[in-house]
Amino acid sequence: MTRNQEIGRSSEEYVAKYLEQRGSKILARNYSVHNVGEIDIICEYKNKILVIEVKSRDSRERYGTPEEAVTRSKQQKIMRTTLQYCKENHIDLEHVSYFVAGVIHDVSGNIIDVQFTPFY
């Protein structure tokens, strides 16, 4: 596993724990639909389903925020994947909200900040 993959995995783990500590129930991690897409985290919080795409960036990075890395095309893949998840689990799409969890880490990979930004 590369350093970037390790940081990405660590960021996903951090966000999942962060959500659980604040009362969310994790329903799925790395849920994927072949030839459609993948969702990093699906959780339930106060009768809402939250679909979370985790993106991490080095605090020194000058090429955009984690949120900017989730392009319109990526958002559409996430939404199509969510549709399949909701069908399989009998969930009404009206109860779904989409977020990018933007994780900022230092040069050593230590997490400095997490921001949740809605999209759709």
C-alpha atoms as a PDB file:
ATOM      1  CA  MET A   1       0.000   0.000   0.000  1.00  0.00           C
ATOM      2  CA  THR A   2       1.364   3.429  -0.929  1.00  0.00           C
ATOM      3  CA  ARG A   3       1.700   6.285   1.547  1.00  0.00           C
ATOM      4  CA  ASN A   4      -1.219   8.107  -0.101  1.00  0.00           C
ATOM      5  CA  GLN A   5      -3.380   4.988   0.181  1.00  0.00           C
ATOM      6  CA  GLU A   6      -2.446   4.643   3.860  1.00  0.00           C
ATOM      7  CA  ILE A   7      -3.353   8.284   4.504  1.00  0.00           C
ATOM      8  CA  GLY A   8      -6.629   7.836   2.614  1.00  0.00           C
ATOM      9  CA  ARG A   9      -7.522   4.736   4.611  1.00  0.00           C
ATOM     10  CA  SER A  10      -6.563   6.479   7.855  1.00  0.00           C
ATOM     11  CA  SER A  11      -8.710   9.485   6.892  1.00  0.00           C
ATOM     12  CA  GLU A  12     -11.730   7.253   6.199  1.00  0.00           C
ATOM     13  CA  GLU A  13     -11.249   5.497   9.539  1.00  0.00           C
ATOM     14  CA  TYR A  14     -10.975   8.852  11.335  1.00  0.00           C
ATOM     15  CA  VAL A  15     -14.160  10.178   9.718  1.00  0.00           C
ATOM     16  CA  ALA A  16     -16.087   6.977  10.533  1.00  0.00           C
ATOM     17  CA  LYS A  17     -15.051   7.204  14.206  1.00  0.00           C
ATOM     18  CA  TYR A  18     -15.822  10.937  14.247  1.00  0.00           C
ATOM     19  CA  LEU A  19     -19.341  10.244  12.970  1.00  0.00           C
ATOM     20  CA  GLU A  20     -19.929   7.398  15.443  1.00  0.00           C
ATOM     21  CA  GLN A  21     -18.760   9.522  18.380  1.00  0.00           C
ATOM     22  CA  ARG A  22     -21.399  12.084  17.434  1.00  0.00           C
ATOM     23  CA  GLY A  23     -24.235   9.575  17.330  1.00  0.00           C
ATOM     24  CA  SER A  24     -24.182   8.254  13.771  1.00  0.00           C
ATOM     25  CA  LYS A  25     -24.665   4.575  13.037  1.00  0.00           C
ATOM     26  CA  ILE A  26     -22.356   3.330  10.271  1.00  0.00           C
ATOM     27  CA  LEU A  27     -24.425   1.300   7.792  1.00  0.00           C
ATOM     28  CA  ALA A  28     -21.766   0.594   5.158  1.00  0.00           C
ATOM     29  CA  ARG A  29     -18.153   1.327   4.320  1.00  0.00           C
ATOM     30  CA  ASN A  30     -16.684   1.206   0.826  1.00  0.00           C
ATOM     31  CA  TYR A  31     -20.016   0.179  -0.667  1.00  0.00           C
ATOM     32  CA  SER A  32     -19.539  -0.372  -4.391  1.00  0.00           C
ATOM     33  CA  VAL A  33     -21.592  -1.184  -7.444  1.00  0.00           C
ATOM     34  CA  HIS A  34     -19.691  -2.731 -10.349  1.00  0.00           C
ATOM     35  CA  ASN A  35     -19.251  -0.291 -13.258  1.00  0.00           C
ATOM     36  CA  VAL A  36     -21.058   2.460 -11.331  1.00  0.00           C
ATOM     37  CA  GLY A  37     -19.094   3.708  -8.334  1.00  0.00           C
ATOM     38  CA  GLU A  38     -18.181   3.480  -4.676  1.00  0.00           C
ATOM     39  CA  ILE A  39     -19.320   5.250  -1.515  1.00  0.00           C
ATOM     40  CA  ASP A  40     -16.786   5.634   1.291  1.00  0.00           C
ATOM     41  CA  ILE A  41     -19.237   5.807   4.215  1.00  0.00           C
ATOM     42  CA  ILE A  42     -23.005   5.462   4.535  1.00  0.00           C
ATOM     43  CA  CYS A  43     -24.429   6.234   7.957  1.00  0.00           C
ATOM     44  CA  GLU A  44     -27.675   7.067   9.700  1.00  0.00           C
ATOM     45  CA  TYR A  45     -27.999  10.175  11.837  1.00  0.00           C
ATOM     46  CA  LYS A  46     -31.276  11.461  13.281  1.00  0.00           C
ATOM     47  CA  ASN A  47     -33.435   9.555  10.767  1.00  0.00           C
ATOM     48  CA  LYS A  48     -31.340  10.776   7.820  1.00  0.00           C
ATOM     49  CA  ILE A  49     -29.033   8.720   5.640  1.00  0.00           C
ATOM     50  CA  LEU A  50     -25.695  10.457   5.140  1.00  0.00           C
ATOM     51  CA  VAL A  51     -23.557   9.533   2.155  1.00  0.00           C
ATOM     52  CA  ILE A  52     -19.973  10.589   2.804  1.00  0.00           C
ATOM     53  CA  GLU A  53     -17.137  10.895   0.289  1.00  0.00           C
ATOM     54  CA  VAL A  54     -13.829  11.253   2.153  1.00  0.00           C
ATOM     55  CA  LYS A  55     -11.054  13.270   0.507  1.00  0.00           C
ATOM     56  CA  SER A  56      -7.765  14.121   2.172  1.00  0.00           C
ATOM     57  CA  ARG A  57      -5.146  16.701   1.338  1.00  0.00           C
ATOM     58  CA  ASP A  58      -1.763  17.704   2.693  1.00  0.00           C
ATOM     59  CA  SER A  59      -1.946  21.074   4.471  1.00  0.00           C
ATOM     60  CA  ARG A  60       0.826  22.335   2.167  1.00  0.00           C
ATOM     61  CA  GLU A  61      -1.021  21.401  -1.008  1.00  0.00           C
ATOM     62  CA  ARG A  62      -1.623  24.298  -3.346  1.00  0.00           C
ATOM     63  CA  TYR A  63      -3.800  22.559  -5.933  1.00  0.00           C
ATOM     64  CA  GLY A  64      -7.248  22.878  -4.445  1.00  0.00           C
ATOM     65  CA  THR A  65      -9.271  21.746  -1.490  1.00  0.00           C
ATOM     66  CA  PRO A  66     -10.448  18.207  -0.807  1.00  0.00           C
ATOM     67  CA  GLU A  67     -13.970  19.301  -1.705  1.00  0.00           C
ATOM     68  CA  GLU A  68     -12.857  20.516  -5.129  1.00  0.00           C
ATOM     69  CA  ALA A  69     -11.547  17.016  -5.860  1.00  0.00           C
ATOM     70  CA  VAL A  70     -15.123  15.708  -5.905  1.00  0.00           C
ATOM     71  CA  THR A  71     -16.071  16.706  -9.433  1.00  0.00           C
ATOM     72  CA  ARG A  72     -19.593  16.819 -10.812  1.00  0.00           C
ATOM     73  CA  SER A  73     -18.867  13.504 -12.555  1.00  0.00           C
ATOM     74  CA  LYS A  74     -17.792  11.920  -9.242  1.00  0.00           C
ATOM     75  CA  GLN A  75     -20.908  13.309  -7.542  1.00  0.00           C
ATOM     76  CA  GLN A  76     -23.099  11.728 -10.213  1.00  0.00           C
ATOM     77  CA  LYS A  77     -21.380   8.345  -9.735  1.00  0.00           C
ATOM     78  CA  ILE A  78     -21.957   8.609  -5.991  1.00  0.00           C
ATOM     79  CA  MET A  79     -25.632   9.435  -6.555  1.00  0.00           C
ATOM     80  CA  ARG A  80     -26.107   6.477  -8.934  1.00  0.00           C
ATOM     81  CA  THR A  81     -24.418   4.191  -6.412  1.00  0.00           C
ATOM     82  CA  THR A  82     -26.637   5.599  -3.662  1.00  0.00           C
ATOM     83  CA  LEU A  83     -29.713   4.810  -5.744  1.00  0.00           C
ATOM     84  CA  GLN A  84     -28.699   1.136  -5.839  1.00  0.00           C
ATOM     85  CA  TYR A  85     -27.987   1.085  -2.089  1.00  0.00           C
ATOM     86  CA  CYS A  86     -31.375   2.632  -1.363  1.00  0.00           C
ATOM     87  CA  LYS A  87     -33.171   0.121  -3.602  1.00  0.00           C
ATOM     88  CA  GLU A  88     -31.436  -2.799  -1.886  1.00  0.00           C
ATOM     89  CA  ASN A  89     -32.254  -1.440   1.574  1.00  0.00           C
ATOM     90  CA  HIS A  90     -35.735   0.013   0.921  1.00  0.00           C
ATOM     91  CA  ILE A  91     -34.689   3.572   1.720  1.00  0.00           C
ATOM     92  CA  ASP A  92     -36.523   6.610   0.353  1.00  0.00           C
ATOM     93  CA  LEU A  93     -34.102   8.970  -1.415  1.00  0.00           C
ATOM     94  CA  GLU A  94     -35.821  11.905   0.317  1.00  0.00           C
ATOM     95  CA  HIS A  95     -34.002  10.852   3.485  1.00  0.00           C
ATOM     96  CA  VAL A  96     -30.528  10.999   1.887  1.00  0.00           C
ATOM     97  CA  SER A  97     -27.992  13.819   2.214  1.00  0.00           C
ATOM     98  CA  TYR A  98     -24.589  13.945   0.511  1.00  0.00           C
ATOM     99  CA  PHE A  99     -21.371  15.295   2.031  1.00  0.00           C
ATOM    100  CA  VAL A 100     -17.686  15.555   1.265  1.00  0.00           C
ATOM    101  CA  ALA A 101     -15.579  15.029   4.382  1.00  0.00           C
ATOM    102  CA  GLY A 102     -12.535  17.156   3.609  1.00  0.00           C
ATOM    103  CA  VAL A 103      -9.633  15.934   5.731  1.00  0.00           C
ATOM    104  CA  ILE A 104      -6.512  18.085   6.089  1.00  0.00           C
ATOM    105  CA  HIS A 105      -3.345  16.421   7.365  1.00  0.00           C
ATOM    106  CA  ASP A 106       0.195  17.555   8.064  1.00  0.00           C
ATOM    107  CA  VAL A 107       3.342  16.330   6.329  1.00  0.00           C
ATOM    108  CA  SER A 108       3.486  13.313   8.685  1.00  0.00           C
ATOM    109  CA  GLY A 109      -0.094  12.316   7.917  1.00  0.00           C
ATOM    110  CA  ASN A 110      -1.524  13.524  11.240  1.00  0.00           C
ATOM    111  CA  ILE A 111      -5.050  14.848  10.815  1.00  0.00           C
ATOM    112  CA  ILE A 112      -5.377  18.563  11.492  1.00  0.00           C
ATOM    113  CA  ASP A 113      -8.969  19.309  10.481  1.00  0.00           C
ATOM    114  CA  VAL A 114     -12.140  17.797   9.022  1.00  0.00           C
ATOM    115  CA  GLN A 115     -14.844  19.830   7.288  1.00  0.00           C
ATOM    116  CA  PHE A 116     -18.172  18.438   6.071  1.00  0.00           C
ATOM    117  CA  THR A 117     -19.468  20.130   2.936  1.00  0.00           C
ATOM    118  CA  PRO A 118     -22.841  19.198   1.436  1.00  0.00           C
ATOM    119  CA  PHE A 119     -23.182  18.523  -2.275  1.00  0.00           C
ATOM    120  CA  TYR A 120     -25.872  17.612  -4.794  1.00  0.00           C
END
